[in-house]
Amino acid sequence: MPTSRVIAVQMCSVMKPEDNFLQLKHWLSQCEFNFPTLVCLPETWLAFMKTAGQSFELSKHYEYWLTKLGQLCREYNIWLAAGTMPVSNGLDKYYAASFLLNEQGEVVARYNKIHLFDADVADGSGGYRESKSTVPGSDVVVVDSPFGRIGLSVCYDLRFAGLYQVMRQLGAEIFLVPSAFTTVTGQAHWTPLLQARAIENQCYIVAAAQFGEHENGRKTYGHSLILSPWGEIMADAQQALGSISAELDLTQLHKLRADMPVQVHNRFKSEFYE
């Protein structure tokens, strides 16, 4: 298999989509694309809004931004995992939708965030109730790509190991986890949760994250990570904006799975997708 590379872009998204798109173009212009490359964006990359009404209004225009992303894919000859964007459900709510585009700018997969963040957190926000404005998804999404078989997830999904186990049963070799973790939960749980999902399922993980103090008053943890199937941190953006990258070696992944066939040994496989 030819050498392939993944890139995670760490952003501090504001409330104006045009500014975030320009931020994305800037970071792409700093990258070199010598190999087949998958670029991954964080959750709410397009706009980190303050109110649900603002996100709902943006959700009516997602197709315009998909067209703009498709142009970038063709320009740079890259695959792009577009974090999340709000997509109207046709009524009064929206999905947190994660799109995967190929080098032709075509949408090859869409995943709607299944687990919604309804939690009380000891930060400036105090609590979050994502379900008030967002419709939960229901479909597990795993798709073939030149980089390996990709399983899509988003942020709070990371706390639910069963989702990743099902994706692994469906053949996933790479998990994408675009996120906007709070500083409080990020400091406590971000890295160990990602390492656990990588180790349990013997998969690569690309977790592009938001970082910084945002225009909407939120504070996010950063530390975008790329992890190996052994749980090793291959790249860490720490607390800086920009991109990190790593090369994937599926030969090593398959050797690890053969040497330690945990999927075969698992006595508690989900029957959800049997």
Protein backbone atom coordinates (compact mmCIF):
# COMPACT_ATOMS: atom_id res chain seq x y z
CA MET A 1 0.00 0.00 0.00
CA PRO A 2 1.42 3.45 -0.90
CA THR A 3 2.42 5.75 1.96
CA SER A 4 -0.47 7.83 3.23
CA ARG A 5 -0.70 10.64 5.71
CA VAL A 6 -3.29 12.10 8.04
CA ILE A 7 -3.40 15.71 9.20
CA ALA A 8 -5.38 17.10 12.13
CA VAL A 9 -6.06 20.84 12.10
CA GLN A 10 -6.42 22.50 15.50
CA MET A 11 -8.60 25.61 15.30
CA CYS A 12 -10.07 28.32 17.50
CA SER A 13 -13.30 28.80 15.61
CA VAL A 14 -15.23 32.05 15.89
CA MET A 15 -18.88 32.77 15.17
CA LYS A 16 -18.44 33.96 11.57
CA PRO A 17 -18.20 31.07 9.07
CA GLU A 18 -16.28 33.12 6.51
CA ASP A 19 -13.50 33.81 9.02
CA ASN A 20 -13.18 30.14 9.93
CA PHE A 21 -13.05 29.13 6.28
CA LEU A 22 -10.22 31.61 5.75
CA GLN A 23 -8.48 30.16 8.81
CA LEU A 24 -8.76 26.70 7.26
CA LYS A 25 -7.37 27.91 3.93
CA HIS A 26 -4.44 29.48 5.76
CA TRP A 27 -3.52 26.26 7.54
CA LEU A 28 -3.86 24.22 4.36
CA SER A 29 -1.51 26.61 2.58
CA GLN A 30 1.13 25.79 5.23
CA CYS A 31 0.98 22.04 4.55
CA GLU A 32 2.81 19.93 2.00
CA PHE A 33 0.82 17.23 0.25
CA ASN A 34 3.42 14.79 -1.08
CA PHE A 35 1.39 11.66 -0.30
CA PRO A 36 -2.30 10.75 -0.39
CA THR A 37 -3.58 12.82 2.53
CA LEU A 38 -6.62 12.92 4.76
CA VAL A 39 -7.17 16.29 6.46
CA CYS A 40 -9.35 16.27 9.59
CA LEU A 41 -11.11 19.29 11.07
CA PRO A 42 -12.49 19.72 14.60
CA GLU A 43 -16.08 19.74 15.80
CA THR A 44 -17.92 23.04 15.05
CA TRP A 45 -15.06 24.06 12.75
CA LEU A 46 -17.33 26.17 10.53
CA ALA A 47 -18.82 28.29 13.31
CA PHE A 48 -18.75 28.03 17.09
CA MET A 49 -21.99 29.87 17.79
CA LYS A 50 -23.31 31.30 21.05
CA THR A 51 -26.98 30.37 20.64
CA ALA A 52 -28.90 27.48 19.15
CA GLY A 53 -30.79 29.94 16.95
CA GLN A 54 -27.57 31.04 15.31
CA SER A 55 -26.56 27.46 14.63
CA PHE A 56 -30.02 26.67 13.29
CA GLU A 57 -29.80 29.56 10.83
CA LEU A 58 -26.40 28.31 9.66
CA SER A 59 -27.82 24.79 9.27
CA LYS A 60 -29.90 25.99 6.30
CA HIS A 61 -26.75 26.80 4.31
CA TYR A 62 -24.55 23.74 4.83
CA GLU A 63 -24.66 22.78 1.13
CA TYR A 64 -22.95 26.05 0.21
CA TRP A 65 -20.07 25.25 2.58
CA LEU A 66 -19.84 21.68 1.33
CA THR A 67 -19.34 23.11 -2.16
CA LYS A 68 -16.55 25.34 -0.85
CA LEU A 69 -14.89 22.38 0.86
CA GLY A 70 -15.17 20.34 -2.32
CA GLN A 71 -13.23 23.05 -4.14
CA LEU A 72 -10.44 22.79 -1.57
CA CYS A 73 -10.33 19.01 -1.97
CA ARG A 74 -9.84 19.36 -5.73
CA GLU A 75 -7.33 22.18 -5.36
CA TYR A 76 -5.10 20.28 -2.94
CA ASN A 77 -5.97 16.74 -4.09
CA ILE A 78 -6.91 15.71 -0.55
CA TRP A 79 -9.62 13.84 1.33
CA LEU A 80 -11.21 15.99 4.00
CA ALA A 81 -13.14 15.08 7.14
CA ALA A 82 -15.20 18.16 7.90
CA GLY A 83 -15.52 17.96 11.69
CA THR A 84 -19.15 18.90 12.25
CA MET A 85 -21.52 21.36 10.65
CA PRO A 86 -25.16 21.96 11.64
CA VAL A 87 -27.62 20.49 9.14
CA SER A 88 -31.31 21.32 9.48
CA ASN A 89 -33.68 18.43 10.18
CA GLY A 90 -36.36 20.28 8.20
CA LEU A 91 -38.20 21.31 11.37
CA ASP A 92 -36.83 23.31 14.28
CA LYS A 93 -33.61 21.44 15.14
CA TYR A 94 -30.43 20.34 13.42
CA TYR A 95 -28.00 17.44 13.23
CA ALA A 96 -24.34 17.77 14.18
CA ALA A 97 -23.20 16.26 10.88
CA SER A 98 -19.70 15.07 10.08
CA PHE A 99 -18.96 14.83 6.35
CA LEU A 100 -16.16 12.95 4.62
CA LEU A 101 -15.18 14.20 1.15
CA ASN A 102 -12.82 12.60 -1.37
CA GLU A 103 -10.23 14.28 -3.59
CA GLN A 104 -12.90 15.01 -6.20
CA GLY A 105 -14.86 16.97 -3.61
CA GLU A 106 -17.60 14.34 -3.46
CA VAL A 107 -19.29 13.47 -0.17
CA VAL A 108 -18.55 9.79 0.46
CA ALA A 109 -20.00 9.58 3.98
CA ARG A 110 -22.06 11.51 6.50
CA TYR A 111 -22.31 10.73 10.20
CA ASN A 112 -24.79 12.43 12.53
CA LYS A 113 -23.47 12.67 16.10
CA ILE A 114 -25.25 9.99 18.14
CA HIS A 115 -24.39 10.91 21.73
CA LEU A 116 -25.36 14.46 22.69
CA PHE A 117 -23.57 16.36 25.44
CA ASP A 118 -26.07 16.96 28.24
CA ALA A 119 -23.88 17.43 31.29
CA ASP A 120 -23.04 19.77 34.15
CA VAL A 121 -19.41 20.84 34.08
CA ALA A 122 -17.54 23.01 36.57
CA ASP A 123 -16.48 25.67 34.08
CA GLY A 124 -17.74 29.10 33.09
CA SER A 125 -20.70 27.62 31.23
CA GLY A 126 -21.85 25.54 34.16
CA GLY A 127 -23.74 23.07 32.05
CA TYR A 128 -24.52 21.96 28.52
CA ARG A 129 -27.77 20.71 27.00
CA GLU A 130 -26.99 19.82 23.40
CA SER A 131 -30.23 17.86 23.01
CA LYS A 132 -32.32 21.03 23.29
CA SER A 133 -31.31 22.03 19.77
CA THR A 134 -29.66 18.98 18.21
CA VAL A 135 -31.23 15.79 16.86
CA PRO A 136 -29.22 12.66 17.72
CA GLY A 137 -28.09 10.42 14.90
CA SER A 138 -28.84 6.71 14.82
CA ASP A 139 -26.54 5.17 12.20
CA VAL A 140 -23.03 3.82 12.74
CA VAL A 141 -20.87 4.86 9.77
CA VAL A 142 -17.76 3.03 8.53
CA VAL A 143 -16.45 3.69 5.02
CA ASP A 144 -13.60 2.55 2.77
CA SER A 145 -10.90 5.03 1.80
CA PRO A 146 -7.35 5.02 0.38
CA PHE A 147 -6.10 5.36 3.98
CA GLY A 148 -7.94 2.39 5.39
CA ARG A 149 -11.46 1.72 6.59
CA ILE A 150 -12.66 4.80 8.49
CA GLY A 151 -15.15 4.92 11.38
CA LEU A 152 -16.78 8.28 12.09
CA SER A 153 -17.56 9.64 15.54
CA VAL A 154 -17.75 13.03 17.30
CA CYS A 155 -16.53 14.33 20.67
CA TYR A 156 -18.91 13.05 23.41
CA ASP A 157 -19.20 9.75 21.51
CA LEU A 158 -15.71 9.04 22.87
CA ARG A 159 -17.16 8.10 26.27
CA PHE A 160 -19.22 5.25 24.81
CA ALA A 161 -16.92 2.34 24.08
CA GLY A 162 -19.72 0.29 22.50
CA LEU A 163 -19.89 2.58 19.46
CA TYR A 164 -16.21 2.00 18.70
CA GLN A 165 -16.54 -1.74 19.26
CA VAL A 166 -19.33 -1.86 16.68
CA MET A 167 -17.24 0.16 14.22
CA ARG A 168 -14.36 -2.25 14.80
CA GLN A 169 -16.71 -5.17 14.05
CA LEU A 170 -17.60 -3.39 10.82
CA GLY A 171 -13.92 -3.38 9.85
CA ALA A 172 -12.75 0.05 11.01
CA GLU A 173 -8.99 0.63 11.01
CA ILE A 174 -9.06 4.38 11.70
CA PHE A 175 -11.36 6.29 14.04
CA LEU A 176 -11.99 10.00 13.53
CA VAL A 177 -12.94 11.96 16.67
CA PRO A 178 -13.44 15.68 15.86
CA SER A 179 -13.99 17.43 19.17
CA ALA A 180 -14.49 20.59 21.21
CA PHE A 181 -13.72 19.22 24.69
CA THR A 182 -14.04 21.65 27.58
CA THR A 183 -10.85 22.50 29.43
CA VAL A 184 -12.13 20.77 32.58
CA THR A 185 -13.11 17.47 30.96
CA GLY A 186 -10.18 17.61 28.57
CA GLN A 187 -7.58 17.86 31.32
CA ALA A 188 -9.14 14.90 33.12
CA HIS A 189 -10.20 12.52 30.36
CA TRP A 190 -9.24 13.46 26.79
CA THR A 191 -5.97 11.55 26.37
CA PRO A 192 -6.83 8.43 28.42
CA LEU A 193 -10.17 8.01 26.63
CA LEU A 194 -8.54 8.28 23.20
CA GLN A 195 -5.79 5.86 24.17
CA ALA A 196 -8.35 3.40 25.52
CA ARG A 197 -10.39 3.44 22.30
CA ALA A 198 -7.21 2.96 20.22
CA ILE A 199 -5.87 0.11 22.37
CA GLU A 200 -9.19 -1.73 22.83
CA ASN A 201 -9.90 -1.79 19.11
CA GLN A 202 -6.35 -1.77 17.70
CA CYS A 203 -7.15 1.22 15.50
CA TYR A 204 -5.46 4.46 14.57
CA ILE A 205 -7.20 7.56 15.92
CA VAL A 206 -7.19 11.06 14.46
CA ALA A 207 -8.73 13.54 16.90
CA ALA A 208 -8.80 17.12 15.64
CA ALA A 209 -9.82 19.53 18.38
CA GLN A 210 -10.79 23.10 19.12
CA PHE A 211 -8.47 25.10 21.35
CA GLY A 212 -8.60 28.43 23.14
CA GLU A 213 -10.95 31.11 24.42
CA HIS A 214 -13.74 31.44 21.90
CA GLU A 215 -15.85 34.38 20.86
CA ASN A 216 -18.93 32.61 22.24
CA GLY A 217 -17.45 32.46 25.74
CA ARG A 218 -16.43 28.80 25.63
CA LYS A 219 -12.96 27.52 26.50
CA THR A 220 -11.68 24.38 24.82
CA TYR A 221 -8.82 22.06 25.70
CA GLY A 222 -6.94 21.57 22.44
CA HIS A 223 -4.34 18.77 22.31
CA SER A 224 -5.40 17.39 18.94
CA LEU A 225 -3.90 13.91 18.84
CA ILE A 226 -2.97 11.18 16.37
CA LEU A 227 -2.58 7.79 18.04
CA SER A 228 -1.32 4.41 16.91
CA PRO A 229 -3.24 1.13 17.38
CA TRP A 230 -0.88 0.48 20.32
CA GLY A 231 -2.09 3.67 21.99
CA GLU A 232 1.11 5.61 21.34
CA ILE A 233 0.82 9.36 20.77
CA MET A 234 2.22 9.91 17.30
CA ALA A 235 1.52 13.65 17.23
CA ASP A 236 0.14 16.19 19.72
CA ALA A 237 -0.84 19.76 18.84
CA GLN A 238 -0.71 20.66 22.54
CA GLN A 239 -2.01 24.22 22.98
CA ALA A 240 -1.18 25.75 19.62
CA LEU A 241 -3.20 26.47 16.52
CA GLY A 242 -2.20 24.78 13.29
CA SER A 243 -1.75 21.24 12.10
CA ILE A 244 -0.11 17.98 13.12
CA SER A 245 0.50 14.97 10.90
CA ALA A 246 1.53 11.33 10.89
CA GLU A 247 1.99 8.54 8.40
CA LEU A 248 -0.19 5.44 8.72
CA ASP A 249 1.14 1.91 8.35
CA LEU A 250 -1.70 -0.59 8.00
CA THR A 251 0.83 -3.41 7.69
CA GLN A 252 1.83 -2.81 11.30
CA LEU A 253 -1.82 -2.56 12.32
CA HIS A 254 -2.62 -5.94 10.78
CA LYS A 255 0.48 -7.50 12.36
CA LEU A 256 -0.61 -6.25 15.78
CA ARG A 257 -4.08 -7.70 15.25
CA ALA A 258 -2.61 -11.03 14.19
CA ASP A 259 -0.21 -11.16 17.14
CA MET A 260 -2.93 -10.22 19.64
CA PRO A 261 -6.32 -11.11 18.09
CA VAL A 262 -8.53 -9.44 20.67
CA GLN A 263 -11.43 -9.20 18.22
CA VAL A 264 -11.43 -12.98 17.87
CA HIS A 265 -11.11 -13.47 21.62
CA ASN A 266 -13.89 -11.02 22.50
CA ARG A 267 -16.69 -12.93 24.25
CA PHE A 268 -19.01 -9.92 24.37
CA LYS A 269 -19.38 -8.91 20.73
CA SER A 270 -22.30 -6.67 19.92
CA GLU A 271 -25.15 -8.31 18.05
CA PHE A 272 -26.26 -4.89 16.85
CA TYR A 273 -24.69 -5.39 13.41
CA GLU A 274 -24.52 -9.15 13.14
